[in-house]
Amino acid sequence: MASVFEATAGLAIGYTTGSSVTQLTNKGTGVTINAAAGAITLDDAALAAGAEVSFAVTNDKVTASDVVVVNHASAGTAGSYLVQANTLAAGSFAITVSNVSGGSLGEAIVLNFVVIKGASS
């Protein structure tokens, strides 16, 4: 019998197709995306070298005991951004994006995220 961490031939491990949303106005503008997995396209406003910005994500699938994993998926300069989810609460979390490059970047990067359901005791 295969363990839960092994893929069975022809079957994938993961989530169904998620939702997507595009951020408006600037990189600090909050978004609403009610899905367990999805993509967020950020506004192309400039982010200075060494700067970071956080924005709120309203999501009715999230609880305070969950784990949200987020990564820079596509668009923009690879390796120039660090992203992390934080400030989890019932119905929301925040994402912080840091520009770790040597210059200002004005790119509409795409972030992928997934909500891993946590246990509350």
PDB file of N, CA and C in Angstrom:
ATOM      1  N   MET A   1       0.847  -1.172   0.000  1.00  0.00           N
ATOM      2  CA  MET A   1       0.000   0.000   0.000  1.00  0.00           C
ATOM      3  C   MET A   1       0.891   1.233   0.000  1.00  0.00           C
ATOM      4  N   ALA A   2       0.565   2.222  -0.810  1.00  0.00           N
ATOM      5  CA  ALA A   2       1.338   3.466  -0.901  1.00  0.00           C
ATOM      6  C   ALA A   2       1.047   4.347   0.306  1.00  0.00           C
ATOM      7  N   SER A   3       2.068   5.044   0.760  1.00  0.00           N
ATOM      8  CA  SER A   3       1.854   6.003   1.859  1.00  0.00           C
ATOM      9  C   SER A   3       1.139   7.237   1.327  1.00  0.00           C
ATOM     10  N   VAL A   4       0.668   8.097   2.216  1.00  0.00           N
ATOM     11  CA  VAL A   4      -0.051   9.293   1.792  1.00  0.00           C
ATOM     12  C   VAL A   4       0.847  10.283   1.072  1.00  0.00           C
ATOM     13  N   PHE A   5       2.164  10.092   1.166  1.00  0.00           N
ATOM     14  CA  PHE A   5       3.079  11.020   0.525  1.00  0.00           C
ATOM     15  C   PHE A   5       3.542  10.541  -0.847  1.00  0.00           C
ATOM     16  N   GLU A   6       3.128   9.375  -1.259  1.00  0.00           N
ATOM     17  CA  GLU A   6       3.511   8.860  -2.564  1.00  0.00           C
ATOM     18  C   GLU A   6       2.365   9.040  -3.549  1.00  0.00           C
ATOM     19  N   ALA A   7       2.706   9.427  -4.739  1.00  0.00           N
ATOM     20  CA  ALA A   7       1.690   9.545  -5.781  1.00  0.00           C
ATOM     21  C   ALA A   7       1.442   8.173  -6.395  1.00  0.00           C
ATOM     22  N   THR A   8       0.227   7.884  -6.702  1.00  0.00           N
ATOM     23  CA  THR A   8      -0.131   6.658  -7.391  1.00  0.00           C
ATOM     24  C   THR A   8      -0.105   6.969  -8.884  1.00  0.00           C
ATOM     25  N   ALA A   9       0.329   6.049  -9.694  1.00  0.00           N
ATOM     26  CA  ALA A   9       0.453   6.274 -11.135  1.00  0.00           C
ATOM     27  C   ALA A   9      -0.813   6.908 -11.704  1.00  0.00           C
ATOM     28  N   GLY A  10      -0.637   8.037 -12.362  1.00  0.00           N
ATOM     29  CA  GLY A  10      -1.752   8.705 -13.019  1.00  0.00           C
ATOM     30  C   GLY A  10      -2.574   9.607 -12.125  1.00  0.00           C
ATOM     31  N   LEU A  11      -2.305   9.625 -10.821  1.00  0.00           N
ATOM     32  CA  LEU A  11      -3.068  10.462  -9.908  1.00  0.00           C
ATOM     33  C   LEU A  11      -2.186  11.560  -9.334  1.00  0.00           C
ATOM     34  N   ALA A  12      -2.759  12.712  -9.130  1.00  0.00           N
ATOM     35  CA  ALA A  12      -2.019  13.834  -8.557  1.00  0.00           C
ATOM     36  C   ALA A  12      -2.417  14.046  -7.110  1.00  0.00           C
ATOM     37  N   ILE A  13      -1.515  14.624  -6.354  1.00  0.00           N
ATOM     38  CA  ILE A  13      -1.804  15.007  -4.983  1.00  0.00           C
ATOM     39  C   ILE A  13      -1.966  16.510  -4.968  1.00  0.00           C
ATOM     40  N   GLY A  14      -3.011  17.019  -4.347  1.00  0.00           N
ATOM     41  CA  GLY A  14      -3.154  18.470  -4.285  1.00  0.00           C
ATOM     42  C   GLY A  14      -4.591  18.915  -4.181  1.00  0.00           C
ATOM     43  N   TYR A  15      -4.854  20.064  -4.750  1.00  0.00           N
ATOM     44  CA  TYR A  15      -6.135  20.725  -4.657  1.00  0.00           C
ATOM     45  C   TYR A  15      -6.797  20.812  -6.022  1.00  0.00           C
ATOM     46  N   THR A  16      -8.083  21.033  -6.019  1.00  0.00           N
ATOM     47  CA  THR A  16      -8.775  21.288  -7.275  1.00  0.00           C
ATOM     48  C   THR A  16      -8.404  22.687  -7.748  1.00  0.00           C
ATOM     49  N   THR A  17      -8.814  23.028  -8.941  1.00  0.00           N
ATOM     50  CA  THR A  17      -8.512  24.339  -9.499  1.00  0.00           C
ATOM     51  C   THR A  17      -8.980  25.431  -8.555  1.00  0.00           C
ATOM     52  N   GLY A  18      -8.112  26.372  -8.289  1.00  0.00           N
ATOM     53  CA  GLY A  18      -8.430  27.476  -7.382  1.00  0.00           C
ATOM     54  C   GLY A  18      -9.010  28.666  -8.120  1.00  0.00           C
ATOM     55  N   SER A  19      -9.102  29.757  -7.418  1.00  0.00           N
ATOM     56  CA  SER A  19      -9.609  31.003  -7.976  1.00  0.00           C
ATOM     57  C   SER A  19      -8.450  31.951  -8.211  1.00  0.00           C
ATOM     58  N   SER A  20      -8.731  33.054  -8.888  1.00  0.00           N
ATOM     59  CA  SER A  20      -7.708  34.074  -9.076  1.00  0.00           C
ATOM     60  C   SER A  20      -8.325  35.444  -8.904  1.00  0.00           C
ATOM     61  N   VAL A  21      -7.476  36.396  -8.541  1.00  0.00           N
ATOM     62  CA  VAL A  21      -7.909  37.765  -8.336  1.00  0.00           C
ATOM     63  C   VAL A  21      -6.749  38.673  -8.720  1.00  0.00           C
ATOM     64  N   THR A  22      -7.069  39.884  -9.192  1.00  0.00           N
ATOM     65  CA  THR A  22      -6.055  40.880  -9.516  1.00  0.00           C
ATOM     66  C   THR A  22      -6.183  42.050  -8.561  1.00  0.00           C
ATOM     67  N   GLN A  23      -5.075  42.410  -7.978  1.00  0.00           N
ATOM     68  CA  GLN A  23      -5.017  43.517  -7.031  1.00  0.00           C
ATOM     69  C   GLN A  23      -5.173  44.842  -7.790  1.00  0.00           C
ATOM     70  N   LEU A  24      -5.923  45.775  -7.219  1.00  0.00           N
ATOM     71  CA  LEU A  24      -6.134  47.079  -7.831  1.00  0.00           C
ATOM     72  C   LEU A  24      -5.343  48.158  -7.091  1.00  0.00           C
ATOM     73  N   THR A  25      -5.080  49.246  -7.702  1.00  0.00           N
ATOM     74  CA  THR A  25      -4.513  50.471  -7.126  1.00  0.00           C
ATOM     75  C   THR A  25      -3.025  50.414  -6.820  1.00  0.00           C
ATOM     76  N   ASN A  26      -2.575  49.579  -5.868  1.00  0.00           N
ATOM     77  CA  ASN A  26      -1.150  49.486  -5.517  1.00  0.00           C
ATOM     78  C   ASN A  26      -0.892  48.168  -4.793  1.00  0.00           C
ATOM     79  N   LYS A  27       0.358  47.913  -4.447  1.00  0.00           N
ATOM     80  CA  LYS A  27       0.706  46.634  -3.823  1.00  0.00           C
ATOM     81  C   LYS A  27       0.225  46.515  -2.380  1.00  0.00           C
ATOM     82  N   GLY A  28      -0.275  47.574  -1.785  1.00  0.00           N
ATOM     83  CA  GLY A  28      -0.819  47.523  -0.435  1.00  0.00           C
ATOM     84  C   GLY A  28      -2.323  47.336  -0.395  1.00  0.00           C
ATOM     85  N   THR A  29      -2.947  47.251  -1.555  1.00  0.00           N
ATOM     86  CA  THR A  29      -4.404  47.123  -1.641  1.00  0.00           C
ATOM     87  C   THR A  29      -4.845  45.701  -1.326  1.00  0.00           C
ATOM     88  N   GLY A  30      -5.791  45.549  -0.427  1.00  0.00           N
ATOM     89  CA  GLY A  30      -6.314  44.241  -0.062  1.00  0.00           C
ATOM     90  C   GLY A  30      -7.115  43.603  -1.180  1.00  0.00           C
ATOM     91  N   VAL A  31      -7.255  42.277  -1.093  1.00  0.00           N
ATOM     92  CA  VAL A  31      -8.026  41.513  -2.076  1.00  0.00           C
ATOM     93  C   VAL A  31      -8.962  40.561  -1.342  1.00  0.00           C
ATOM     94  N   THR A  32      -9.982  40.107  -2.051  1.00  0.00           N
ATOM     95  CA  THR A  32     -10.885  39.070  -1.535  1.00  0.00           C
ATOM     96  C   THR A  32     -10.842  37.892  -2.485  1.00  0.00           C
ATOM     97  N   ILE A  33     -10.547  36.725  -1.939  1.00  0.00           N
ATOM     98  CA  ILE A  33     -10.515  35.498  -2.729  1.00  0.00           C
ATOM     99  C   ILE A  33     -10.920  34.350  -1.807  1.00  0.00           C
ATOM    100  N   ASN A  34     -12.128  33.856  -1.973  1.00  0.00           N
ATOM    101  CA  ASN A  34     -12.689  32.817  -1.102  1.00  0.00           C
ATOM    102  C   ASN A  34     -12.480  31.435  -1.714  1.00  0.00           C
ATOM    103  N   ALA A  35     -11.240  30.940  -1.565  1.00  0.00           N
ATOM    104  CA  ALA A  35     -10.880  29.632  -2.102  1.00  0.00           C
ATOM    105  C   ALA A  35      -9.753  29.056  -1.253  1.00  0.00           C
ATOM    106  N   ALA A  36      -9.637  27.730  -1.241  1.00  0.00           N
ATOM    107  CA  ALA A  36      -8.575  27.074  -0.484  1.00  0.00           C
ATOM    108  C   ALA A  36      -7.230  27.152  -1.200  1.00  0.00           C
ATOM    109  N   ALA A  37      -7.255  27.476  -2.476  1.00  0.00           N
ATOM    110  CA  ALA A  37      -6.040  27.656  -3.262  1.00  0.00           C
ATOM    111  C   ALA A  37      -6.332  28.664  -4.355  1.00  0.00           C
ATOM    112  N   GLY A  38      -5.315  29.398  -4.760  1.00  0.00           N
ATOM    113  CA  GLY A  38      -5.559  30.362  -5.813  1.00  0.00           C
ATOM    114  C   GLY A  38      -4.327  31.151  -6.194  1.00  0.00           C
ATOM    115  N   ALA A  39      -4.565  32.150  -7.041  1.00  0.00           N
ATOM    116  CA  ALA A  39      -3.500  33.015  -7.544  1.00  0.00           C
ATOM    117  C   ALA A  39      -3.913  34.466  -7.347  1.00  0.00           C
ATOM    118  N   ILE A  40      -2.950  35.274  -6.950  1.00  0.00           N
ATOM    119  CA  ILE A  40      -3.164  36.706  -6.775  1.00  0.00           C
ATOM    120  C   ILE A  40      -2.164  37.439  -7.655  1.00  0.00           C
ATOM    121  N   THR A  41      -2.665  38.224  -8.613  1.00  0.00           N
ATOM    122  CA  THR A  41      -1.800  39.049  -9.441  1.00  0.00           C
ATOM    123  C   THR A  41      -1.703  40.414  -8.789  1.00  0.00           C
ATOM    124  N   LEU A  42      -0.480  40.807  -8.433  1.00  0.00           N
ATOM    125  CA  LEU A  42      -0.283  42.088  -7.769  1.00  0.00           C
ATOM    126  C   LEU A  42      -0.309  43.241  -8.766  1.00  0.00           C
ATOM    127  N   ASP A  43      -0.623  44.420  -8.269  1.00  0.00           N
ATOM    128  CA  ASP A  43      -0.542  45.640  -9.050  1.00  0.00           C
ATOM    129  C   ASP A  43       0.919  45.858  -9.454  1.00  0.00           C
ATOM    130  N   ASP A  44       1.147  46.575 -10.540  1.00  0.00           N
ATOM    131  CA  ASP A  44       2.517  46.792 -11.006  1.00  0.00           C
ATOM    132  C   ASP A  44       3.175  48.049 -10.436  1.00  0.00           C
ATOM    133  N   ALA A  45       2.656  48.572  -9.344  1.00  0.00           N
ATOM    134  CA  ALA A  45       3.262  49.737  -8.694  1.00  0.00           C
ATOM    135  C   ALA A  45       4.692  49.407  -8.277  1.00  0.00           C
ATOM    136  N   ALA A  46       5.564  50.398  -8.318  1.00  0.00           N
ATOM    137  CA  ALA A  46       6.972  50.199  -7.979  1.00  0.00           C
ATOM    138  C   ALA A  46       7.140  49.862  -6.496  1.00  0.00           C
ATOM    139  N   LEU A  47       8.084  48.964  -6.234  1.00  0.00           N
ATOM    140  CA  LEU A  47       8.485  48.620  -4.874  1.00  0.00           C
ATOM    141  C   LEU A  47       9.995  48.837  -4.815  1.00  0.00           C
ATOM    142  N   ALA A  48      10.413  49.784  -3.979  1.00  0.00           N
ATOM    143  CA  ALA A  48      11.821  50.169  -3.910  1.00  0.00           C
ATOM    144  C   ALA A  48      12.701  49.011  -3.460  1.00  0.00           C
ATOM    145  N   ALA A  49      13.977  49.090  -3.814  1.00  0.00           N
ATOM    146  CA  ALA A  49      14.943  48.087  -3.377  1.00  0.00           C
ATOM    147  C   ALA A  49      14.954  48.038  -1.855  1.00  0.00           C
ATOM    148  N   GLY A  50      14.885  46.840  -1.309  1.00  0.00           N
ATOM    149  CA  GLY A  50      14.911  46.664   0.141  1.00  0.00           C
ATOM    150  C   GLY A  50      13.599  46.967   0.851  1.00  0.00           C
ATOM    151  N   ALA A  51      12.583  47.382   0.114  1.00  0.00           N
ATOM    152  CA  ALA A  51      11.293  47.726   0.729  1.00  0.00           C
ATOM    153  C   ALA A  51      10.390  46.506   0.814  1.00  0.00           C
ATOM    154  N   GLU A  52       9.423  46.590   1.715  1.00  0.00           N
ATOM    155  CA  GLU A  52       8.411  45.545   1.813  1.00  0.00           C
ATOM    156  C   GLU A  52       7.048  46.190   1.990  1.00  0.00           C
ATOM    157  N   VAL A  53       6.039  45.445   1.580  1.00  0.00           N
ATOM    158  CA  VAL A  53       4.666  45.911   1.691  1.00  0.00           C
ATOM    159  C   VAL A  53       3.787  44.734   2.080  1.00  0.00           C
ATOM    160  N   SER A  54       2.776  45.000   2.883  1.00  0.00           N
ATOM    161  CA  SER A  54       1.816  43.965   3.276  1.00  0.00           C
ATOM    162  C   SER A  54       0.432  44.357   2.801  1.00  0.00           C
ATOM    163  N   PHE A  55      -0.376  43.350   2.491  1.00  0.00           N
ATOM    164  CA  PHE A  55      -1.771  43.601   2.131  1.00  0.00           C
ATOM    165  C   PHE A  55      -2.640  42.498   2.718  1.00  0.00           C
ATOM    166  N   ALA A  56      -3.890  42.842   2.968  1.00  0.00           N
ATOM    167  CA  ALA A  56      -4.849  41.914   3.565  1.00  0.00           C
ATOM    168  C   ALA A  56      -5.504  41.059   2.489  1.00  0.00           C
ATOM    169  N   VAL A  57      -5.721  39.795   2.834  1.00  0.00           N
ATOM    170  CA  VAL A  57      -6.450  38.863   1.972  1.00  0.00           C
ATOM    171  C   VAL A  57      -7.665  38.405   2.760  1.00  0.00           C
ATOM    172  N   THR A  58      -8.837  38.775   2.301  1.00  0.00           N
ATOM    173  CA  THR A  58     -10.081  38.312   2.902  1.00  0.00           C
ATOM    174  C   THR A  58     -10.433  36.984   2.252  1.00  0.00           C
ATOM    175  N   ASN A  59     -10.620  35.939   3.095  1.00  0.00           N
ATOM    176  CA  ASN A  59     -10.841  34.601   2.567  1.00  0.00           C
ATOM    177  C   ASN A  59     -11.651  33.806   3.585  1.00  0.00           C
ATOM    178  N   ASP A  60     -12.882  33.461   3.235  1.00  0.00           N
ATOM    179  CA  ASP A  60     -13.770  32.776   4.176  1.00  0.00           C
ATOM    180  C   ASP A  60     -13.401  31.306   4.415  1.00  0.00           C
ATOM    181  N   LYS A  61     -12.374  30.809   3.753  1.00  0.00           N
ATOM    182  CA  LYS A  61     -11.923  29.425   3.960  1.00  0.00           C
ATOM    183  C   LYS A  61     -10.857  29.323   5.052  1.00  0.00           C
ATOM    184  N   VAL A  62     -10.365  30.443   5.559  1.00  0.00           N
ATOM    185  CA  VAL A  62      -9.235  30.476   6.488  1.00  0.00           C
ATOM    186  C   VAL A  62      -9.705  30.620   7.929  1.00  0.00           C
ATOM    187  N   THR A  63      -9.062  29.854   8.816  1.00  0.00           N
ATOM    188  CA  THR A  63      -9.259  30.030  10.257  1.00  0.00           C
ATOM    189  C   THR A  63      -7.902  30.354  10.882  1.00  0.00           C
ATOM    190  N   ALA A  64      -7.922  30.774  12.120  1.00  0.00           N
ATOM    191  CA  ALA A  64      -6.692  31.157  12.810  1.00  0.00           C
ATOM    192  C   ALA A  64      -5.735  29.988  13.020  1.00  0.00           C
ATOM    193  N   SER A  65      -6.231  28.752  12.978  1.00  0.00           N
ATOM    194  CA  SER A  65      -5.372  27.586  13.206  1.00  0.00           C
ATOM    195  C   SER A  65      -4.808  26.986  11.912  1.00  0.00           C
ATOM    196  N   ASP A  66      -5.112  27.584  10.767  1.00  0.00           N
ATOM    197  CA  ASP A  66      -4.634  27.069   9.488  1.00  0.00           C
ATOM    198  C   ASP A  66      -3.202  27.521   9.206  1.00  0.00           C
ATOM    199  N   VAL A  67      -2.642  26.958   8.157  1.00  0.00           N
ATOM    200  CA  VAL A  67      -1.336  27.372   7.640  1.00  0.00           C
ATOM    201  C   VAL A  67      -1.550  27.809   6.200  1.00  0.00           C
ATOM    202  N   VAL A  68      -1.045  28.981   5.848  1.00  0.00           N
ATOM    203  CA  VAL A  68      -1.128  29.457   4.471  1.00  0.00           C
ATOM    204  C   VAL A  68       0.286  29.476   3.899  1.00  0.00           C
ATOM    205  N   VAL A  69       0.446  28.814   2.768  1.00  0.00           N
ATOM    206  CA  VAL A  69       1.726  28.792   2.064  1.00  0.00           C
ATOM    207  C   VAL A  69       1.555  29.643   0.815  1.00  0.00           C
ATOM    208  N   VAL A  70       2.498  30.553   0.590  1.00  0.00           N
ATOM    209  CA  VAL A  70       2.432  31.436  -0.576  1.00  0.00           C
ATOM    210  C   VAL A  70       3.804  31.495  -1.228  1.00  0.00           C
ATOM    211  N   ASN A  71       3.823  31.591  -2.562  1.00  0.00           N
ATOM    212  CA  ASN A  71       5.091  31.719  -3.270  1.00  0.00           C
ATOM    213  C   ASN A  71       4.946  32.614  -4.495  1.00  0.00           C
ATOM    214  N   HIS A  72       6.078  33.149  -4.937  1.00  0.00           N
ATOM    215  CA  HIS A  72       6.131  33.935  -6.178  1.00  0.00           C
ATOM    216  C   HIS A  72       6.106  32.922  -7.315  1.00  0.00           C
ATOM    217  N   ALA A  73       4.986  32.873  -8.021  1.00  0.00           N
ATOM    218  CA  ALA A  73       4.771  31.833  -9.022  1.00  0.00           C
ATOM    219  C   ALA A  73       5.263  32.207 -10.410  1.00  0.00           C
ATOM    220  N   SER A  74       4.961  33.434 -10.848  1.00  0.00           N
ATOM    221  CA  SER A  74       5.319  33.813 -12.208  1.00  0.00           C
ATOM    222  C   SER A  74       5.295  35.326 -12.366  1.00  0.00           C
ATOM    223  N   ALA A  75       5.714  35.763 -13.529  1.00  0.00           N
ATOM    224  CA  ALA A  75       5.841  37.179 -13.910  1.00  0.00           C
ATOM    225  C   ALA A  75       6.893  37.852 -13.028  1.00  0.00           C
ATOM    226  N   GLY A  76       7.481  38.873 -13.535  1.00  0.00           N
ATOM    227  CA  GLY A  76       8.487  39.591 -12.757  1.00  0.00           C
ATOM    228  C   GLY A  76       9.831  38.891 -12.750  1.00  0.00           C
ATOM    229  N   THR A  77      10.743  39.449 -11.988  1.00  0.00           N
ATOM    230  CA  THR A  77      12.120  38.984 -11.929  1.00  0.00           C
ATOM    231  C   THR A  77      12.269  37.875 -10.886  1.00  0.00           C
ATOM    232  N   ALA A  78      12.558  36.683 -11.346  1.00  0.00           N
ATOM    233  CA  ALA A  78      12.707  35.534 -10.438  1.00  0.00           C
ATOM    234  C   ALA A  78      13.829  35.792  -9.443  1.00  0.00           C
ATOM    235  N   GLY A  79      13.600  35.438  -8.192  1.00  0.00           N
ATOM    236  CA  GLY A  79      14.598  35.597  -7.143  1.00  0.00           C
ATOM    237  C   GLY A  79      14.683  36.983  -6.542  1.00  0.00           C
ATOM    238  N   SER A  80      13.855  37.909  -7.024  1.00  0.00           N
ATOM    239  CA  SER A  80      13.910  39.289  -6.538  1.00  0.00           C
ATOM    240  C   SER A  80      12.910  39.590  -5.433  1.00  0.00           C
ATOM    241  N   TYR A  81      12.061  38.625  -5.107  1.00  0.00           N
ATOM    242  CA  TYR A  81      11.020  38.842  -4.109  1.00  0.00           C
ATOM    243  C   TYR A  81      11.031  37.730  -3.069  1.00  0.00           C
ATOM    244  N   LEU A  82      10.770  38.091  -1.837  1.00  0.00           N
ATOM    245  CA  LEU A  82      10.445  37.140  -0.789  1.00  0.00           C
ATOM    246  C   LEU A  82       8.994  37.399  -0.416  1.00  0.00           C
ATOM    247  N   VAL A  83       8.206  36.340  -0.260  1.00  0.00           N
ATOM    248  CA  VAL A  83       6.802  36.494   0.108  1.00  0.00           C
ATOM    249  C   VAL A  83       6.487  35.567   1.274  1.00  0.00           C
ATOM    250  N   GLN A  84       5.604  36.027   2.151  1.00  0.00           N
ATOM    251  CA  GLN A  84       5.186  35.189   3.268  1.00  0.00           C
ATOM    252  C   GLN A  84       3.770  35.556   3.680  1.00  0.00           C
ATOM    253  N   ALA A  85       3.052  34.550   4.137  1.00  0.00           N
ATOM    254  CA  ALA A  85       1.728  34.764   4.711  1.00  0.00           C
ATOM    255  C   ALA A  85       1.896  34.948   6.210  1.00  0.00           C
ATOM    256  N   ASN A  86       1.069  35.799   6.796  1.00  0.00           N
ATOM    257  CA  ASN A  86       1.154  36.054   8.228  1.00  0.00           C
ATOM    258  C   ASN A  86      -0.180  36.596   8.723  1.00  0.00           C
ATOM    259  N   THR A  87      -0.287  36.846   9.998  1.00  0.00           N
ATOM    260  CA  THR A  87      -1.453  37.467  10.624  1.00  0.00           C
ATOM    261  C   THR A  87      -2.747  36.704  10.320  1.00  0.00           C
ATOM    262  N   LEU A  88      -2.713  35.381  10.471  1.00  0.00           N
ATOM    263  CA  LEU A  88      -3.905  34.574  10.212  1.00  0.00           C
ATOM    264  C   LEU A  88      -4.974  34.821  11.262  1.00  0.00           C
ATOM    265  N   ALA A  89      -6.206  34.893  10.797  1.00  0.00           N
ATOM    266  CA  ALA A  89      -7.378  35.062  11.657  1.00  0.00           C
ATOM    267  C   ALA A  89      -8.549  34.385  10.955  1.00  0.00           C
ATOM    268  N   ALA A  90      -9.653  34.274  11.651  1.00  0.00           N
ATOM    269  CA  ALA A  90     -10.844  33.702  11.026  1.00  0.00           C
ATOM    270  C   ALA A  90     -11.278  34.617   9.879  1.00  0.00           C
ATOM    271  N   GLY A  91     -11.198  34.124   8.654  1.00  0.00           N
ATOM    272  CA  GLY A  91     -11.650  34.875   7.493  1.00  0.00           C
ATOM    273  C   GLY A  91     -10.614  35.777   6.846  1.00  0.00           C
ATOM    274  N   SER A  92      -9.371  35.732   7.291  1.00  0.00           N
ATOM    275  CA  SER A  92      -8.377  36.596   6.644  1.00  0.00           C
ATOM    276  C   SER A  92      -6.953  36.204   6.996  1.00  0.00           C
ATOM    277  N   PHE A  93      -6.037  36.692   6.190  1.00  0.00           N
ATOM    278  CA  PHE A  93      -4.610  36.612   6.460  1.00  0.00           C
ATOM    279  C   PHE A  93      -3.951  37.765   5.722  1.00  0.00           C
ATOM    280  N   ALA A  94      -2.686  37.977   5.962  1.00  0.00           N
ATOM    281  CA  ALA A  94      -1.937  39.018   5.258  1.00  0.00           C
ATOM    282  C   ALA A  94      -0.804  38.358   4.493  1.00  0.00           C
ATOM    283  N   ILE A  95      -0.368  39.029   3.444  1.00  0.00           N
ATOM    284  CA  ILE A  95       0.811  38.614   2.695  1.00  0.00           C
ATOM    285  C   ILE A  95       1.781  39.790   2.701  1.00  0.00           C
ATOM    286  N   THR A  96       3.039  39.501   3.006  1.00  0.00           N
ATOM    287  CA  THR A  96       4.092  40.506   2.949  1.00  0.00           C
ATOM    288  C   THR A  96       5.016  40.166   1.788  1.00  0.00           C
ATOM    289  N   VAL A  97       5.277  41.175   0.953  1.00  0.00           N
ATOM    290  CA  VAL A  97       6.150  41.032  -0.208  1.00  0.00           C
ATOM    291  C   VAL A  97       7.354  41.932   0.011  1.00  0.00           C
ATOM    292  N   SER A  98       8.553  41.370  -0.098  1.00  0.00           N
ATOM    293  CA  SER A  98       9.792  42.128   0.063  1.00  0.00           C
ATOM    294  C   SER A  98      10.576  42.116  -1.246  1.00  0.00           C
ATOM    295  N   ASN A  99      11.093  43.275  -1.629  1.00  0.00           N
ATOM    296  CA  ASN A  99      11.956  43.391  -2.801  1.00  0.00           C
ATOM    297  C   ASN A  99      13.393  43.215  -2.326  1.00  0.00           C
ATOM    298  N   VAL A 100      14.008  42.100  -2.656  1.00  0.00           N
ATOM    299  CA  VAL A 100      15.371  41.824  -2.226  1.00  0.00           C
ATOM    300  C   VAL A 100      16.385  42.086  -3.338  1.00  0.00           C
ATOM    301  N   SER A 101      15.947  42.744  -4.409  1.00  0.00           N
ATOM    302  CA  SER A 101      16.860  43.071  -5.506  1.00  0.00           C
ATOM    303  C   SER A 101      17.610  44.359  -5.187  1.00  0.00           C
ATOM    304  N   GLY A 102      18.501  44.742  -6.056  1.00  0.00           N
ATOM    305  CA  GLY A 102      19.277  45.955  -5.873  1.00  0.00           C
ATOM    306  C   GLY A 102      18.633  47.202  -6.449  1.00  0.00           C
ATOM    307  N   GLY A 103      17.425  47.085  -6.993  1.00  0.00           N
ATOM    308  CA  GLY A 103      16.776  48.240  -7.606  1.00  0.00           C
ATOM    309  C   GLY A 103      15.273  48.206  -7.434  1.00  0.00           C
ATOM    310  N   SER A 104      14.655  49.319  -7.752  1.00  0.00           N
ATOM    311  CA  SER A 104      13.198  49.421  -7.693  1.00  0.00           C
ATOM    312  C   SER A 104      12.578  48.542  -8.777  1.00  0.00           C
ATOM    313  N   LEU A 105      11.499  47.842  -8.427  1.00  0.00           N
ATOM    314  CA  LEU A 105      10.818  46.969  -9.382  1.00  0.00           C
ATOM    315  C   LEU A 105       9.340  47.322  -9.451  1.00  0.00           C
ATOM    316  N   GLY A 106       8.833  47.510 -10.656  1.00  0.00           N
ATOM    317  CA  GLY A 106       7.420  47.784 -10.876  1.00  0.00           C
ATOM    318  C   GLY A 106       6.810  46.668 -11.698  1.00  0.00           C
ATOM    319  N   GLU A 107       6.630  45.515 -11.079  1.00  0.00           N
ATOM    320  CA  GLU A 107       6.186  44.331 -11.799  1.00  0.00           C
ATOM    321  C   GLU A 107       4.888  43.779 -11.212  1.00  0.00           C
ATOM    322  N   ALA A 108       4.018  43.314 -12.073  1.00  0.00           N
ATOM    323  CA  ALA A 108       2.752  42.694 -11.650  1.00  0.00           C
ATOM    324  C   ALA A 108       2.991  41.204 -11.447  1.00  0.00           C
ATOM    325  N   ILE A 109       3.648  40.860 -10.330  1.00  0.00           N
ATOM    326  CA  ILE A 109       3.975  39.458 -10.075  1.00  0.00           C
ATOM    327  C   ILE A 109       2.727  38.665  -9.698  1.00  0.00           C
ATOM    328  N   VAL A 110       2.791  37.372  -9.914  1.00  0.00           N
ATOM    329  CA  VAL A 110       1.689  36.477  -9.572  1.00  0.00           C
ATOM    330  C   VAL A 110       2.125  35.612  -8.395  1.00  0.00           C
ATOM    331  N   LEU A 111       1.292  35.600  -7.362  1.00  0.00           N
ATOM    332  CA  LEU A 111       1.528  34.772  -6.179  1.00  0.00           C
ATOM    333  C   LEU A 111       0.536  33.623  -6.169  1.00  0.00           C
ATOM    334  N   ASN A 112       1.004  32.426  -5.885  1.00  0.00           N
ATOM    335  CA  ASN A 112       0.119  31.284  -5.661  1.00  0.00           C
ATOM    336  C   ASN A 112       0.048  31.043  -4.166  1.00  0.00           C
ATOM    337  N   PHE A 113      -1.135  30.643  -3.680  1.00  0.00           N
ATOM    338  CA  PHE A 113      -1.276  30.326  -2.275  1.00  0.00           C
ATOM    339  C   PHE A 113      -2.134  29.072  -2.101  1.00  0.00           C
ATOM    340  N   VAL A 114      -1.963  28.440  -0.955  1.00  0.00           N
ATOM    341  CA  VAL A 114      -2.797  27.306  -0.581  1.00  0.00           C
ATOM    342  C   VAL A 114      -3.038  27.369   0.926  1.00  0.00           C
ATOM    343  N   VAL A 115      -4.241  27.013   1.323  1.00  0.00           N
ATOM    344  CA  VAL A 115      -4.602  26.956   2.746  1.00  0.00           C
ATOM    345  C   VAL A 115      -4.543  25.497   3.174  1.00  0.00           C
ATOM    346  N   ILE A 116      -3.704  25.229   4.159  1.00  0.00           N
ATOM    347  CA  ILE A 116      -3.626  23.886   4.740  1.00  0.00           C
ATOM    348  C   ILE A 116      -4.394  23.941   6.055  1.00  0.00           C
ATOM    349  N   LYS A 117      -5.412  23.138   6.147  1.00  0.00           N
ATOM    350  CA  LYS A 117      -6.276  23.168   7.318  1.00  0.00           C
ATOM    351  C   LYS A 117      -5.517  22.673   8.539  1.00  0.00           C
ATOM    352  N   GLY A 118      -5.552  23.478   9.602  1.00  0.00           N
ATOM    353  CA  GLY A 118      -4.872  23.151  10.840  1.00  0.00           C
ATOM    354  C   GLY A 118      -5.822  22.543  11.846  1.00  0.00           C
ATOM    355  N   ALA A 119      -5.255  22.015  12.887  1.00  0.00           N
ATOM    356  CA  ALA A 119      -6.055  21.419  13.956  1.00  0.00           C
ATOM    357  C   ALA A 119      -6.159  22.393  15.116  1.00  0.00           C
ATOM    358  N   SER A 120      -7.313  22.455  15.697  1.00  0.00           N
ATOM    359  CA  SER A 120      -7.468  23.260  16.916  1.00  0.00           C
ATOM    360  C   SER A 120      -7.823  22.314  18.045  1.00  0.00           C
ATOM    361  N   SER A 121      -7.160  22.496  19.166  1.00  0.00           N
ATOM    362  CA  SER A 121      -7.419  21.566  20.267  1.00  0.00           C
ATOM    363  C   SER A 121      -7.981  22.296  21.472  1.00  0.00           C
TER     364      SER A 121
END
